[in-house]
Protein backbone atom coordinates (compact mmCIF):
# COMPACT_ATOMS: atom_id res chain seq x y z
CA MET A 1 4.04 31.49 -18.53
CA ASP A 2 6.69 29.80 -16.65
CA ILE A 3 6.48 26.17 -17.30
CA LYS A 4 8.81 25.69 -14.34
CA LYS A 5 5.86 26.31 -12.12
CA TYR A 6 4.03 23.55 -13.40
CA ILE A 7 6.61 20.80 -15.08
CA GLU A 8 9.44 19.27 -13.14
CA ILE A 9 12.03 16.68 -13.95
CA SER A 10 13.00 14.19 -11.28
CA ALA A 11 15.33 11.32 -11.71
CA ASN A 12 13.37 9.48 -9.22
CA LYS A 13 9.81 10.07 -10.73
CA ARG A 14 8.67 8.27 -14.02
CA PHE A 15 12.39 7.43 -14.89
CA GLY A 16 13.13 11.19 -15.35
CA LYS A 17 10.23 12.05 -17.53
CA PRO A 18 8.73 15.65 -17.36
CA THR A 19 5.81 15.49 -15.06
CA ILE A 20 3.11 17.93 -13.69
CA ILE A 21 4.52 18.96 -10.18
CA GLY A 22 2.96 17.10 -7.19
CA THR A 23 1.78 14.36 -9.55
CA ARG A 24 2.99 11.37 -11.48
CA ILE A 25 1.31 12.50 -14.81
CA SER A 26 3.82 13.11 -17.39
CA VAL A 27 3.77 15.64 -20.07
CA ALA A 28 3.52 12.59 -22.71
CA ASP A 29 0.33 11.43 -20.71
CA VAL A 30 -1.28 14.81 -21.23
CA LEU A 31 -0.20 15.08 -24.77
CA ASN A 32 -1.56 11.49 -25.57
CA TRP A 33 -5.13 12.17 -23.87
CA LEU A 34 -5.21 15.42 -26.03
CA ALA A 35 -4.17 13.79 -29.38
CA ASN A 36 -6.50 10.79 -28.40
CA GLY A 37 -9.38 13.45 -28.70
CA MET A 38 -9.95 14.27 -24.64
CA SER A 39 -10.79 18.11 -23.95
CA ASN A 40 -8.94 19.95 -21.07
CA GLN A 41 -12.30 19.64 -19.48
CA GLU A 42 -12.44 16.00 -19.48
CA ILE A 43 -8.67 15.59 -18.41
CA MET A 44 -9.34 18.01 -15.55
CA GLU A 45 -12.47 15.84 -14.70
CA ASP A 46 -10.87 12.65 -14.72
CA PHE A 47 -7.41 14.18 -12.92
CA PRO A 48 -8.72 16.88 -10.64
CA GLU A 49 -4.99 17.60 -9.96
CA VAL A 50 -4.33 18.76 -13.52
CA SER A 51 -5.41 22.26 -14.05
CA GLU A 52 -6.02 24.42 -17.33
CA ASP A 53 -2.74 26.24 -16.62
CA SER A 54 -0.87 22.79 -16.11
CA ILE A 55 -2.21 21.43 -19.38
CA LYS A 56 -0.98 24.57 -21.26
CA ALA A 57 2.43 24.26 -19.67
CA CYS A 58 2.52 20.71 -21.11
CA LEU A 59 1.95 22.00 -24.40
CA MET A 60 4.34 24.98 -24.02
CA TYR A 61 6.85 22.31 -22.78
CA ALA A 62 6.26 20.19 -26.23
CA ALA A 63 6.20 23.04 -28.33
CA SER A 64 9.66 24.19 -27.04
CA LYS A 65 11.36 20.97 -27.46
CA GLU A 66 9.90 20.69 -31.28
CA ASP A 67 12.78 23.36 -32.08
CA HIS A 68 15.26 21.04 -30.97
CA LEU A 69 14.19 18.09 -32.97
CA GLY A 70 15.69 19.02 -36.21
CA LEU A 71 13.09 16.99 -38.54
CA ALA A 72 13.61 17.15 -42.29
CA SER A 73 10.51 18.77 -43.78
């Protein structure tokens, strides 16, 4: 999956946070909803502009950043 088809970063939108293209919904918003127990289906029902693929792209974006955190185990 090419996450650039779904995620954009613009200094003029949400203070430069990564967002789903064409929306003001940030990757962090989606991750928080998932972490708080919302299903993909519930997110898509509440926010019709969000697709299954855009949710996957948010997860892939977060996973790609995890490698760069350097957290001690």
